[in-house]
Amino acid sequence: MDLQSIPAIADGLRKVENTITRLGGSSALPAINEAAERVIHAGGKRLRPALTLATALAFGKKPDRRVITAAACVELIHAGSLVHDDLMDGATQRRGIPTLNADLGHSKALVIGDFMLARAGLAALTAVSRPVAEVLAATTVELAEGQFLETADLFNRERTQESALRSITGKTAALFRASCTVAAICARAEAQDRARMAAYGERFGLIFQILDDLLDLAAPAGSMGKPTGHDLEQGVYTLPVLRTRAKNPQLLDGDVPAILARLNRAEIVEDTLAYCRDLADQAASALPAFREPGIAASLRGLPHSYIDQVAEMTRRPALRKAI
C-alpha cells in the first residue's frame, strides 16, 4: 500500500517538495544552499511527510500551509540527520552519489547538517505553531540520544535487545512518531487521539528500522547500495542479530562471513518478520476513530504492506550469495 498513490497526498507532497527546497535554500551563504539542495534532492521515499499528510487528511484536515510546512520540517530534520549519519559512519556514498563529508570534508558536512536541523526548527516555530516546534525540538533531542546509544554499544557483544530498541526508538521511530503527532496537532485532534497517533507512528518507525537492519543482512548483495553485513562490519549489532543471538550464544564469534553464515541457518528472516507483524498489529490497534475511513484504511494497512514488500525482497537469493 503506497500513500503516495492517494491523489490528495501526492498533491500535498509536491507542495512539501517546494517548501523543503525553499527552506533548504534559505541560507545567506550560497555554498550551504547548494550542499543542502544536494541532500534534499538525492532521492528518498518521503515516507515521513506522507505520514504527516495522511494523518491530517484522516482527521478531516486539508493539507493547508501549516500542515505542508510541518511535513517539510519533518523531512528536513530527516535529511539533516542523514548528513550526520554519513559523517559518523565515514560513508563515501549515499544513494549512488558522493556524501557531503566525502566531497566537502567533515567540518563543512557537520555544519550543513546543523543548518538543516536548525532551519527546520525555526520554520516550525515561525510558520506552524509553538506546539509543533516543541515536538520537533524534542524529537531532535531523541535523534541525538538514540544515535549516541548506538555509538556507545559499537562492537559490544553483550548489547541487549532492550538497548537496541531504545536506540532505534530514538534515532528512527521518534521522527515517525513526530510525523503523525504534528499533523494531529495541526488538525486540532483531541489529546487521546494525538497519543494514539504517536503510538502508531512509533511502532511503524520501529518496524521500518528493524526491517532496514534485516535487509542489511538478507537483501540481495548490492541492492541496498552497501555491502551485505555493513552494520556488522561497523560493529552495530542490530535487533535481528541480537534476537538470533539469544538462541545461539556463539553467533558473534568469528568474522563477518562466518556470522552471516550462521544467521542464514538461524531463520533470522522469519523471526524478524514475525516480530514486526506483531508490531504492525499493535500499530493498527492504536489508531483512533477517523473522519475519513479511506485514509484510515490506508494507514491501518501500511505497516503490514511494508512488511510484505520486505518479505518479498528477502525471498530472492541473498545471504548465500553474499557469503
C-alpha atoms as a PDB file:
ATOM      1  CA  MET A   1       0.000   0.000   0.000  1.00  0.00           C
ATOM      2  CA  ASP A   2       1.515   3.297  -1.129  1.00  0.00           C
ATOM      3  CA  LEU A   3       0.322   6.522   0.487  1.00  0.00           C
ATOM      4  CA  GLN A   4       1.684   8.488  -2.460  1.00  0.00           C
ATOM      5  CA  SER A   5      -0.863   6.849  -4.751  1.00  0.00           C
ATOM      6  CA  ILE A   6      -3.623   8.781  -2.941  1.00  0.00           C
ATOM      7  CA  PRO A   7      -4.244  11.930  -5.039  1.00  0.00           C
ATOM      8  CA  ALA A   8      -4.564  14.335  -2.105  1.00  0.00           C
ATOM      9  CA  ILE A   9      -1.293  13.066  -0.635  1.00  0.00           C
ATOM     10  CA  ALA A  10       0.515  13.146  -3.970  1.00  0.00           C
ATOM     11  CA  ASP A  11      -0.609  16.737  -4.488  1.00  0.00           C
ATOM     12  CA  GLY A  12       0.431  17.644  -0.945  1.00  0.00           C
ATOM     13  CA  LEU A  13       3.858  16.078  -1.416  1.00  0.00           C
ATOM     14  CA  ARG A  14       4.504  18.285  -4.440  1.00  0.00           C
ATOM     15  CA  LYS A  15       3.885  21.293  -2.229  1.00  0.00           C
ATOM     16  CA  VAL A  16       6.044  19.787   0.503  1.00  0.00           C
ATOM     17  CA  GLU A  17       8.856  19.341  -2.013  1.00  0.00           C
ATOM     18  CA  ASN A  18       8.691  23.029  -2.933  1.00  0.00           C
ATOM     19  CA  THR A  19       8.751  24.010   0.727  1.00  0.00           C
ATOM     20  CA  ILE A  20      11.722  21.773   1.516  1.00  0.00           C
ATOM     21  CA  THR A  21      13.609  23.305  -1.395  1.00  0.00           C
ATOM     22  CA  ARG A  22      12.806  26.812  -0.192  1.00  0.00           C
ATOM     23  CA  LEU A  23      13.833  26.108   3.394  1.00  0.00           C
ATOM     24  CA  GLY A  24      16.978  24.266   2.394  1.00  0.00           C
ATOM     25  CA  GLY A  25      17.958  27.152   0.142  1.00  0.00           C
ATOM     26  CA  SER A  26      17.353  29.907   2.668  1.00  0.00           C
ATOM     27  CA  SER A  27      20.909  30.403   3.932  1.00  0.00           C
ATOM     28  CA  ALA A  28      22.703  33.680   3.269  1.00  0.00           C
ATOM     29  CA  LEU A  29      25.625  31.524   2.103  1.00  0.00           C
ATOM     30  CA  PRO A  30      25.170  30.051  -1.412  1.00  0.00           C
ATOM     31  CA  ALA A  31      27.568  27.185  -0.677  1.00  0.00           C
ATOM     32  CA  ILE A  32      25.334  25.962   2.162  1.00  0.00           C
ATOM     33  CA  ASN A  33      22.255  26.203  -0.065  1.00  0.00           C
ATOM     34  CA  GLU A  34      23.957  24.202  -2.803  1.00  0.00           C
ATOM     35  CA  ALA A  35      25.039  21.465  -0.392  1.00  0.00           C
ATOM     36  CA  ALA A  36      21.648  21.270   1.308  1.00  0.00           C
ATOM     37  CA  GLU A  37      19.947  21.016  -2.080  1.00  0.00           C
ATOM     38  CA  ARG A  38      22.148  18.044  -2.959  1.00  0.00           C
ATOM     39  CA  VAL A  39      20.999  16.194   0.124  1.00  0.00           C
ATOM     40  CA  ILE A  40      17.344  17.151  -0.243  1.00  0.00           C
ATOM     41  CA  HIS A  41      17.112  16.052  -3.861  1.00  0.00           C
ATOM     42  CA  ALA A  42      19.230  12.909  -3.585  1.00  0.00           C
ATOM     43  CA  GLY A  43      16.132  10.722  -3.557  1.00  0.00           C
ATOM     44  CA  GLY A  44      14.187   9.084  -0.757  1.00  0.00           C
ATOM     45  CA  LYS A  45      10.724   7.733  -0.106  1.00  0.00           C
ATOM     46  CA  ARG A  46       9.316  10.900   1.516  1.00  0.00           C
ATOM     47  CA  LEU A  47       7.515   8.468   3.805  1.00  0.00           C
ATOM     48  CA  ARG A  48       7.621  10.725   6.848  1.00  0.00           C
ATOM     49  CA  PRO A  49       5.923  13.758   5.220  1.00  0.00           C
ATOM     50  CA  ALA A  50       3.453  11.371   3.572  1.00  0.00           C
ATOM     51  CA  LEU A  51       2.512  10.160   7.060  1.00  0.00           C
ATOM     52  CA  THR A  52       2.009  13.772   8.143  1.00  0.00           C
ATOM     53  CA  LEU A  53      -0.296  14.473   5.217  1.00  0.00           C
ATOM     54  CA  ALA A  54      -2.194  11.205   5.646  1.00  0.00           C
ATOM     55  CA  THR A  55      -2.757  11.833   9.353  1.00  0.00           C
ATOM     56  CA  ALA A  56      -4.089  15.332   8.718  1.00  0.00           C
ATOM     57  CA  LEU A  57      -6.422  14.058   5.997  1.00  0.00           C
ATOM     58  CA  ALA A  58      -7.648  11.207   8.184  1.00  0.00           C
ATOM     59  CA  PHE A  59      -8.711  13.755  10.803  1.00  0.00           C
ATOM     60  CA  GLY A  60     -10.559  15.711   8.116  1.00  0.00           C
ATOM     61  CA  LYS A  61      -7.911  18.432   7.849  1.00  0.00           C
ATOM     62  CA  LYS A  62      -6.950  19.520   4.349  1.00  0.00           C
ATOM     63  CA  PRO A  63      -3.183  19.996   3.905  1.00  0.00           C
ATOM     64  CA  ASP A  64      -3.019  23.774   4.323  1.00  0.00           C
ATOM     65  CA  ARG A  65       0.144  25.848   4.602  1.00  0.00           C
ATOM     66  CA  ARG A  66       0.737  24.863   8.226  1.00  0.00           C
ATOM     67  CA  VAL A  67       0.409  21.135   7.512  1.00  0.00           C
ATOM     68  CA  ILE A  68       2.614  21.397   4.420  1.00  0.00           C
ATOM     69  CA  THR A  69       5.279  23.289   6.367  1.00  0.00           C
ATOM     70  CA  ALA A  70       5.144  20.823   9.255  1.00  0.00           C
ATOM     71  CA  ALA A  71       5.620  17.937   6.816  1.00  0.00           C
ATOM     72  CA  ALA A  72       8.545  19.751   5.174  1.00  0.00           C
ATOM     73  CA  CYS A  73      10.160  20.362   8.566  1.00  0.00           C
ATOM     74  CA  VAL A  74       9.932  16.664   9.388  1.00  0.00           C
ATOM     75  CA  GLU A  75      11.680  15.752   6.138  1.00  0.00           C
ATOM     76  CA  LEU A  76      14.317  18.453   6.587  1.00  0.00           C
ATOM     77  CA  ILE A  77      15.166  17.058  10.019  1.00  0.00           C
ATOM     78  CA  HIS A  78      15.455  13.608   8.464  1.00  0.00           C
ATOM     79  CA  ALA A  79      17.759  14.942   5.722  1.00  0.00           C
ATOM     80  CA  GLY A  80      19.960  16.750   8.228  1.00  0.00           C
ATOM     81  CA  SER A  81      20.242  13.628  10.365  1.00  0.00           C
ATOM     82  CA  LEU A  82      21.380  11.650   7.304  1.00  0.00           C
ATOM     83  CA  VAL A  83      24.244  14.108   6.806  1.00  0.00           C
ATOM     84  CA  HIS A  84      25.320  13.464  10.382  1.00  0.00           C
ATOM     85  CA  ASP A  85      24.890   9.688   9.958  1.00  0.00           C
ATOM     86  CA  ASP A  86      27.163   9.684   6.910  1.00  0.00           C
ATOM     87  CA  LEU A  87      29.694  11.758   8.795  1.00  0.00           C
ATOM     88  CA  MET A  88      29.736   9.387  11.770  1.00  0.00           C
ATOM     89  CA  ASP A  89      29.916   6.299   9.539  1.00  0.00           C
ATOM     90  CA  GLY A  90      32.600   7.754   7.291  1.00  0.00           C
ATOM     91  CA  ALA A  91      30.310   6.904   4.366  1.00  0.00           C
ATOM     92  CA  THR A  92      31.514   7.989   0.948  1.00  0.00           C
ATOM     93  CA  GLN A  93      28.269   7.399  -0.960  1.00  0.00           C
ATOM     94  CA  ARG A  94      24.544   7.547  -0.321  1.00  0.00           C
ATOM     95  CA  ARG A  95      22.022   6.502  -2.968  1.00  0.00           C
ATOM     96  CA  GLY A  96      24.795   6.310  -5.501  1.00  0.00           C
ATOM     97  CA  ILE A  97      26.194   9.832  -5.106  1.00  0.00           C
ATOM     98  CA  PRO A  98      29.130  11.116  -3.022  1.00  0.00           C
ATOM     99  CA  THR A  99      28.266  12.184   0.508  1.00  0.00           C
ATOM    100  CA  LEU A 100      28.905  15.725   1.691  1.00  0.00           C
ATOM    101  CA  ASN A 101      31.661  14.597   4.018  1.00  0.00           C
ATOM    102  CA  ALA A 102      33.398  12.832   1.133  1.00  0.00           C
ATOM    103  CA  ASP A 103      33.155  15.899  -1.097  1.00  0.00           C
ATOM    104  CA  LEU A 104      33.448  18.817   1.314  1.00  0.00           C
ATOM    105  CA  GLY A 105      35.158  17.353   4.342  1.00  0.00           C
ATOM    106  CA  HIS A 106      33.882  16.545   7.811  1.00  0.00           C
ATOM    107  CA  SER A 107      33.744  20.088   9.170  1.00  0.00           C
ATOM    108  CA  LYS A 108      31.596  21.514   6.392  1.00  0.00           C
ATOM    109  CA  ALA A 109      29.301  18.483   6.355  1.00  0.00           C
ATOM    110  CA  LEU A 110      28.768  18.857  10.105  1.00  0.00           C
ATOM    111  CA  VAL A 111      27.641  22.485   9.911  1.00  0.00           C
ATOM    112  CA  ILE A 112      25.420  21.830   6.885  1.00  0.00           C
ATOM    113  CA  GLY A 113      23.630  19.096   8.820  1.00  0.00           C
ATOM    114  CA  ASP A 114      23.323  21.514  11.738  1.00  0.00           C
ATOM    115  CA  PHE A 115      21.894  24.167   9.407  1.00  0.00           C
ATOM    116  CA  MET A 116      19.185  21.825   8.130  1.00  0.00           C
ATOM    117  CA  LEU A 117      18.127  20.788  11.630  1.00  0.00           C
ATOM    118  CA  ALA A 118      18.072  24.374  12.871  1.00  0.00           C
ATOM    119  CA  ARG A 119      16.242  25.649   9.797  1.00  0.00           C
ATOM    120  CA  ALA A 120      13.501  23.087  10.305  1.00  0.00           C
ATOM    121  CA  GLY A 121      13.080  24.156  13.919  1.00  0.00           C
ATOM    122  CA  LEU A 122      12.893  27.826  13.011  1.00  0.00           C
ATOM    123  CA  ALA A 123      10.290  27.218  10.291  1.00  0.00           C
ATOM    124  CA  ALA A 124       8.177  25.123  12.657  1.00  0.00           C
ATOM    125  CA  LEU A 125       8.219  27.902  15.248  1.00  0.00           C
ATOM    126  CA  THR A 126       7.530  30.816  12.904  1.00  0.00           C
ATOM    127  CA  ALA A 127       5.306  29.242  10.232  1.00  0.00           C
ATOM    128  CA  VAL A 128       3.428  26.446  12.006  1.00  0.00           C
ATOM    129  CA  SER A 129       2.993  26.736  15.784  1.00  0.00           C
ATOM    130  CA  ARG A 130       4.885  26.590  19.044  1.00  0.00           C
ATOM    131  CA  PRO A 131       3.446  23.152  19.983  1.00  0.00           C
ATOM    132  CA  VAL A 132       4.648  21.708  16.671  1.00  0.00           C
ATOM    133  CA  ALA A 133       8.063  23.322  17.138  1.00  0.00           C
ATOM    134  CA  GLU A 134       8.292  21.836  20.630  1.00  0.00           C
ATOM    135  CA  VAL A 135       7.503  18.352  19.317  1.00  0.00           C
ATOM    136  CA  LEU A 136      10.176  18.635  16.630  1.00  0.00           C
ATOM    137  CA  ALA A 137      12.753  20.056  19.049  1.00  0.00           C
ATOM    138  CA  ALA A 138      12.143  17.195  21.491  1.00  0.00           C
ATOM    139  CA  THR A 139      12.381  14.739  18.602  1.00  0.00           C
ATOM    140  CA  THR A 140      15.745  16.157  17.542  1.00  0.00           C
ATOM    141  CA  VAL A 141      16.978  15.560  21.092  1.00  0.00           C
ATOM    142  CA  GLU A 142      15.798  11.962  20.836  1.00  0.00           C
ATOM    143  CA  LEU A 143      17.569  11.527  17.498  1.00  0.00           C
ATOM    144  CA  ALA A 144      20.845  12.560  19.108  1.00  0.00           C
ATOM    145  CA  GLU A 145      20.298  10.342  22.130  1.00  0.00           C
ATOM    146  CA  GLY A 146      19.373   7.322  20.020  1.00  0.00           C
ATOM    147  CA  GLN A 147      22.444   7.732  17.854  1.00  0.00           C
ATOM    148  CA  PHE A 148      24.633   8.163  20.935  1.00  0.00           C
ATOM    149  CA  LEU A 149      23.279   4.940  22.434  1.00  0.00           C
ATOM    150  CA  GLU A 150      24.132   3.053  19.272  1.00  0.00           C
ATOM    151  CA  THR A 151      27.626   4.525  19.195  1.00  0.00           C
ATOM    152  CA  ALA A 152      28.173   3.615  22.840  1.00  0.00           C
ATOM    153  CA  ASP A 153      27.418  -0.035  22.043  1.00  0.00           C
ATOM    154  CA  LEU A 154      29.631  -0.456  18.968  1.00  0.00           C
ATOM    155  CA  PHE A 155      31.330  -3.873  18.962  1.00  0.00           C
ATOM    156  CA  ASN A 156      29.659  -4.624  22.289  1.00  0.00           C
ATOM    157  CA  ARG A 157      28.841  -8.328  22.131  1.00  0.00           C
ATOM    158  CA  GLU A 158      26.888  -8.000  25.358  1.00  0.00           C
ATOM    159  CA  ARG A 159      24.486  -5.455  23.874  1.00  0.00           C
ATOM    160  CA  THR A 160      20.933  -6.203  24.968  1.00  0.00           C
ATOM    161  CA  GLN A 161      17.760  -6.203  22.895  1.00  0.00           C
ATOM    162  CA  GLU A 162      16.401  -3.530  25.221  1.00  0.00           C
ATOM    163  CA  SER A 163      19.376  -1.284  24.447  1.00  0.00           C
ATOM    164  CA  ALA A 164      18.906  -1.782  20.717  1.00  0.00           C
ATOM    165  CA  LEU A 165      15.212  -0.919  20.990  1.00  0.00           C
ATOM    166  CA  ARG A 166      15.970   2.240  22.967  1.00  0.00           C
ATOM    167  CA  SER A 167      18.457   3.286  20.322  1.00  0.00           C
ATOM    168  CA  ILE A 168      16.195   2.755  17.308  1.00  0.00           C
ATOM    169  CA  THR A 169      13.247   4.322  19.114  1.00  0.00           C
ATOM    170  CA  GLY A 170      15.319   7.478  19.428  1.00  0.00           C
ATOM    171  CA  LYS A 171      17.199   7.555  16.159  1.00  0.00           C
ATOM    172  CA  THR A 172      14.346   6.429  13.870  1.00  0.00           C
ATOM    173  CA  ALA A 173      10.953   5.778  15.458  1.00  0.00           C
ATOM    174  CA  ALA A 174      10.822   9.170  17.199  1.00  0.00           C
ATOM    175  CA  LEU A 175      10.672  11.006  13.865  1.00  0.00           C
ATOM    176  CA  PHE A 176       7.931   8.705  12.566  1.00  0.00           C
ATOM    177  CA  ARG A 177       6.060   9.442  15.785  1.00  0.00           C
ATOM    178  CA  ALA A 178       6.576  13.169  15.271  1.00  0.00           C
ATOM    179  CA  SER A 179       5.376  12.920  11.656  1.00  0.00           C
ATOM    180  CA  CYS A 180       1.990  11.775  12.912  1.00  0.00           C
ATOM    181  CA  THR A 181       1.893  13.938  16.032  1.00  0.00           C
ATOM    182  CA  VAL A 182       2.486  17.280  14.304  1.00  0.00           C
ATOM    183  CA  ALA A 183      -0.355  16.546  11.887  1.00  0.00           C
ATOM    184  CA  ALA A 184      -2.692  15.675  14.758  1.00  0.00           C
ATOM    185  CA  ILE A 185      -1.770  18.986  16.398  1.00  0.00           C
ATOM    186  CA  CYS A 186      -2.455  20.908  13.182  1.00  0.00           C
ATOM    187  CA  ALA A 187      -5.790  19.115  12.872  1.00  0.00           C
ATOM    188  CA  ARG A 188      -6.676  20.066  16.473  1.00  0.00           C
ATOM    189  CA  ALA A 189      -7.200  16.423  17.393  1.00  0.00           C
ATOM    190  CA  GLU A 190      -8.083  15.520  20.964  1.00  0.00           C
ATOM    191  CA  ALA A 191      -5.202  14.711  23.295  1.00  0.00           C
ATOM    192  CA  GLN A 192      -6.058  10.999  23.403  1.00  0.00           C
ATOM    193  CA  ASP A 193      -6.131  10.854  19.605  1.00  0.00           C
ATOM    194  CA  ARG A 194      -2.751  12.572  19.426  1.00  0.00           C
ATOM    195  CA  ALA A 195      -1.398   9.939  21.798  1.00  0.00           C
ATOM    196  CA  ARG A 196      -2.845   7.168  19.645  1.00  0.00           C
ATOM    197  CA  MET A 197      -1.244   8.605  16.520  1.00  0.00           C
ATOM    198  CA  ALA A 198       2.054   8.925  18.372  1.00  0.00           C
ATOM    199  CA  ALA A 199       1.873   5.234  19.313  1.00  0.00           C
ATOM    200  CA  TYR A 200       1.059   4.282  15.722  1.00  0.00           C
ATOM    201  CA  GLY A 201       3.934   6.330  14.321  1.00  0.00           C
ATOM    202  CA  GLU A 202       6.443   4.999  16.834  1.00  0.00           C
ATOM    203  CA  ARG A 203       5.579   1.376  16.139  1.00  0.00           C
ATOM    204  CA  PHE A 204       5.714   1.904  12.401  1.00  0.00           C
ATOM    205  CA  GLY A 205       9.085   3.600  12.846  1.00  0.00           C
ATOM    206  CA  LEU A 206      10.367   0.598  14.782  1.00  0.00           C
ATOM    207  CA  ILE A 207       9.185  -1.688  12.001  1.00  0.00           C
ATOM    208  CA  PHE A 208      10.887   0.483   9.401  1.00  0.00           C
ATOM    209  CA  GLN A 209      14.265   0.418  11.182  1.00  0.00           C
ATOM    210  CA  ILE A 210      14.157  -3.245  12.163  1.00  0.00           C
ATOM    211  CA  LEU A 211      13.397  -4.241   8.574  1.00  0.00           C
ATOM    212  CA  ASP A 212      16.129  -1.940   7.294  1.00  0.00           C
ATOM    213  CA  ASP A 213      18.506  -3.733   9.652  1.00  0.00           C
ATOM    214  CA  LEU A 214      17.244  -7.081   8.377  1.00  0.00           C
ATOM    215  CA  LEU A 215      17.838  -6.067   4.765  1.00  0.00           C
ATOM    216  CA  ASP A 216      21.410  -5.195   5.657  1.00  0.00           C
ATOM    217  CA  LEU A 217      21.795  -8.898   6.370  1.00  0.00           C
ATOM    218  CA  ALA A 218      19.379 -10.561   3.974  1.00  0.00           C
ATOM    219  CA  ALA A 219      18.829  -8.386   0.901  1.00  0.00           C
ATOM    220  CA  PRO A 220      20.425  -9.403  -2.399  1.00  0.00           C
ATOM    221  CA  ALA A 221      24.045  -8.285  -2.492  1.00  0.00           C
ATOM    222  CA  GLY A 222      24.342  -4.689  -3.730  1.00  0.00           C
ATOM    223  CA  SER A 223      20.605  -3.988  -3.695  1.00  0.00           C
ATOM    224  CA  MET A 224      20.851  -1.708  -0.655  1.00  0.00           C
ATOM    225  CA  GLY A 225      23.685   0.402  -2.032  1.00  0.00           C
ATOM    226  CA  LYS A 226      26.110  -1.034   0.523  1.00  0.00           C
ATOM    227  CA  PRO A 227      27.743  -4.424   1.070  1.00  0.00           C
ATOM    228  CA  THR A 228      25.822  -7.137   2.851  1.00  0.00           C
ATOM    229  CA  GLY A 229      26.640  -7.140   6.561  1.00  0.00           C
ATOM    230  CA  HIS A 230      27.718  -3.486   6.586  1.00  0.00           C
ATOM    231  CA  ASP A 231      26.279  -2.968  10.087  1.00  0.00           C
ATOM    232  CA  LEU A 232      28.234  -5.952  11.380  1.00  0.00           C
ATOM    233  CA  GLU A 233      31.417  -4.555   9.861  1.00  0.00           C
ATOM    234  CA  GLN A 234      30.721  -1.262  11.663  1.00  0.00           C
ATOM    235  CA  GLY A 235      30.193  -3.061  14.966  1.00  0.00           C
ATOM    236  CA  VAL A 236      26.440  -2.372  15.102  1.00  0.00           C
ATOM    237  CA  TYR A 237      24.654  -5.425  16.488  1.00  0.00           C
ATOM    238  CA  THR A 238      21.044  -4.807  15.500  1.00  0.00           C
ATOM    239  CA  LEU A 239      17.860  -6.242  16.948  1.00  0.00           C
ATOM    240  CA  PRO A 240      17.536  -9.080  14.369  1.00  0.00           C
ATOM    241  CA  VAL A 241      21.079 -10.167  15.242  1.00  0.00           C
ATOM    242  CA  LEU A 242      20.505  -9.886  18.983  1.00  0.00           C
ATOM    243  CA  ARG A 243      17.251 -11.868  18.837  1.00  0.00           C
ATOM    244  CA  THR A 244      19.083 -14.617  16.970  1.00  0.00           C
ATOM    245  CA  ARG A 245      22.000 -14.499  19.423  1.00  0.00           C
ATOM    246  CA  ALA A 246      19.573 -15.179  22.277  1.00  0.00           C
ATOM    247  CA  LYS A 247      19.114 -18.659  20.790  1.00  0.00           C
ATOM    248  CA  ASN A 248      22.719 -19.027  19.665  1.00  0.00           C
ATOM    249  CA  PRO A 249      25.171 -17.515  22.186  1.00  0.00           C
ATOM    250  CA  GLN A 250      28.169 -18.169  19.889  1.00  0.00           C
ATOM    251  CA  LEU A 251      26.606 -16.266  16.990  1.00  0.00           C
ATOM    252  CA  LEU A 252      29.030 -13.330  17.051  1.00  0.00           C
ATOM    253  CA  ASP A 253      32.199 -15.426  17.182  1.00  0.00           C
ATOM    254  CA  GLY A 254      34.442 -15.162  14.135  1.00  0.00           C
ATOM    255  CA  ASP A 255      34.477 -12.792  11.176  1.00  0.00           C
ATOM    256  CA  VAL A 256      31.527 -11.266   9.314  1.00  0.00           C
ATOM    257  CA  PRO A 257      31.187 -14.030   6.668  1.00  0.00           C
ATOM    258  CA  ALA A 258      31.057 -16.635   9.430  1.00  0.00           C
ATOM    259  CA  ILE A 259      28.407 -14.672  11.323  1.00  0.00           C
ATOM    260  CA  LEU A 260      26.333 -14.250   8.145  1.00  0.00           C
ATOM    261  CA  ALA A 261      26.534 -17.991   7.516  1.00  0.00           C
ATOM    262  CA  ARG A 262      25.160 -18.687  10.997  1.00  0.00           C
ATOM    263  CA  LEU A 263      22.412 -16.121  10.533  1.00  0.00           C
ATOM    264  CA  ASN A 264      21.406 -17.781   7.280  1.00  0.00           C
ATOM    265  CA  ARG A 265      20.933 -21.068   9.089  1.00  0.00           C
ATOM    266  CA  ALA A 266      19.104 -19.481  12.026  1.00  0.00           C
ATOM    267  CA  GLU A 267      15.926 -18.387  10.194  1.00  0.00           C
ATOM    268  CA  ILE A 268      16.566 -14.752  11.080  1.00  0.00           C
ATOM    269  CA  VAL A 269      14.222 -13.568   8.318  1.00  0.00           C
ATOM    270  CA  GLU A 270      11.211 -15.496   9.568  1.00  0.00           C
ATOM    271  CA  ASP A 271      11.799 -14.487  13.177  1.00  0.00           C
ATOM    272  CA  THR A 272      12.214 -10.787  12.345  1.00  0.00           C
ATOM    273  CA  LEU A 273       9.179 -10.669  10.063  1.00  0.00           C
ATOM    274  CA  ALA A 274       7.028 -12.299  12.754  1.00  0.00           C
ATOM    275  CA  TYR A 275       8.275  -9.793  15.328  1.00  0.00           C
ATOM    276  CA  CYS A 276       7.437  -6.907  13.005  1.00  0.00           C
ATOM    277  CA  ARG A 277       3.998  -8.278  12.197  1.00  0.00           C
ATOM    278  CA  ASP A 278       3.207  -8.180  15.892  1.00  0.00           C
ATOM    279  CA  LEU A 279       4.308  -4.535  15.971  1.00  0.00           C
ATOM    280  CA  ALA A 280       2.127  -3.865  12.917  1.00  0.00           C
ATOM    281  CA  ASP A 281      -0.898  -5.296  14.723  1.00  0.00           C
ATOM    282  CA  GLN A 282      -0.125  -3.007  17.662  1.00  0.00           C
ATOM    283  CA  ALA A 283       0.167  -0.029  15.319  1.00  0.00           C
ATOM    284  CA  ALA A 284      -3.174  -0.740  13.692  1.00  0.00           C
ATOM    285  CA  SER A 285      -4.856  -1.199  17.077  1.00  0.00           C
ATOM    286  CA  ALA A 286      -3.506   2.159  18.241  1.00  0.00           C
ATOM    287  CA  LEU A 287      -5.237   4.170  15.519  1.00  0.00           C
ATOM    288  CA  PRO A 288      -8.119   6.378  16.664  1.00  0.00           C
ATOM    289  CA  ALA A 289     -11.507   6.651  15.008  1.00  0.00           C
ATOM    290  CA  PHE A 290     -11.064   8.880  11.954  1.00  0.00           C
ATOM    291  CA  ARG A 291     -13.428  11.071   9.987  1.00  0.00           C
ATOM    292  CA  GLU A 292     -12.053   9.761   6.683  1.00  0.00           C
ATOM    293  CA  PRO A 293     -12.367   5.936   6.554  1.00  0.00           C
ATOM    294  CA  GLY A 294     -10.493   5.583   3.259  1.00  0.00           C
ATOM    295  CA  ILE A 295      -7.343   7.247   4.570  1.00  0.00           C
ATOM    296  CA  ALA A 296      -7.771   5.364   7.839  1.00  0.00           C
ATOM    297  CA  ALA A 297      -7.739   2.062   5.943  1.00  0.00           C
ATOM    298  CA  SER A 298      -4.550   3.096   4.162  1.00  0.00           C
ATOM    299  CA  LEU A 299      -2.833   3.926   7.438  1.00  0.00           C
ATOM    300  CA  ARG A 300      -4.063   0.703   9.013  1.00  0.00           C
ATOM    301  CA  GLY A 301      -2.710  -1.427   6.192  1.00  0.00           C
ATOM    302  CA  LEU A 302       0.548   0.427   5.651  1.00  0.00           C
ATOM    303  CA  PRO A 303       2.789  -1.370   8.206  1.00  0.00           C
ATOM    304  CA  HIS A 304       1.750  -4.850   7.027  1.00  0.00           C
ATOM    305  CA  SER A 305       2.128  -3.771   3.402  1.00  0.00           C
ATOM    306  CA  TYR A 306       5.657  -2.592   4.081  1.00  0.00           C
ATOM    307  CA  ILE A 307       6.491  -5.869   5.823  1.00  0.00           C
ATOM    308  CA  ASP A 308       5.185  -7.797   2.796  1.00  0.00           C
ATOM    309  CA  GLN A 309       7.434  -5.763   0.480  1.00  0.00           C
ATOM    310  CA  VAL A 310      10.489  -6.566   2.565  1.00  0.00           C
ATOM    311  CA  ALA A 311       9.488 -10.230   2.812  1.00  0.00           C
ATOM    312  CA  GLU A 312       9.410 -10.388  -0.978  1.00  0.00           C
ATOM    313  CA  MET A 313      12.886  -8.862  -1.192  1.00  0.00           C
ATOM    314  CA  THR A 314      14.296 -11.432   1.215  1.00  0.00           C
ATOM    315  CA  ARG A 315      12.865 -14.349  -0.784  1.00  0.00           C
ATOM    316  CA  ARG A 316      15.425 -13.666  -3.522  1.00  0.00           C
ATOM    317  CA  PRO A 317      18.864 -15.305  -3.209  1.00  0.00           C
ATOM    318  CA  ALA A 318      20.534 -13.198  -0.558  1.00  0.00           C
ATOM    319  CA  LEU A 319      22.712 -14.497   2.228  1.00  0.00           C
ATOM    320  CA  ARG A 320      24.062 -17.467   0.322  1.00  0.00           C
ATOM    321  CA  LYS A 321      25.374 -15.236  -2.444  1.00  0.00           C
ATOM    322  CA  ALA A 322      26.607 -12.620  -0.010  1.00  0.00           C
ATOM    323  CA  ILE A 323      28.878 -15.043   1.802  1.00  0.00           C
END
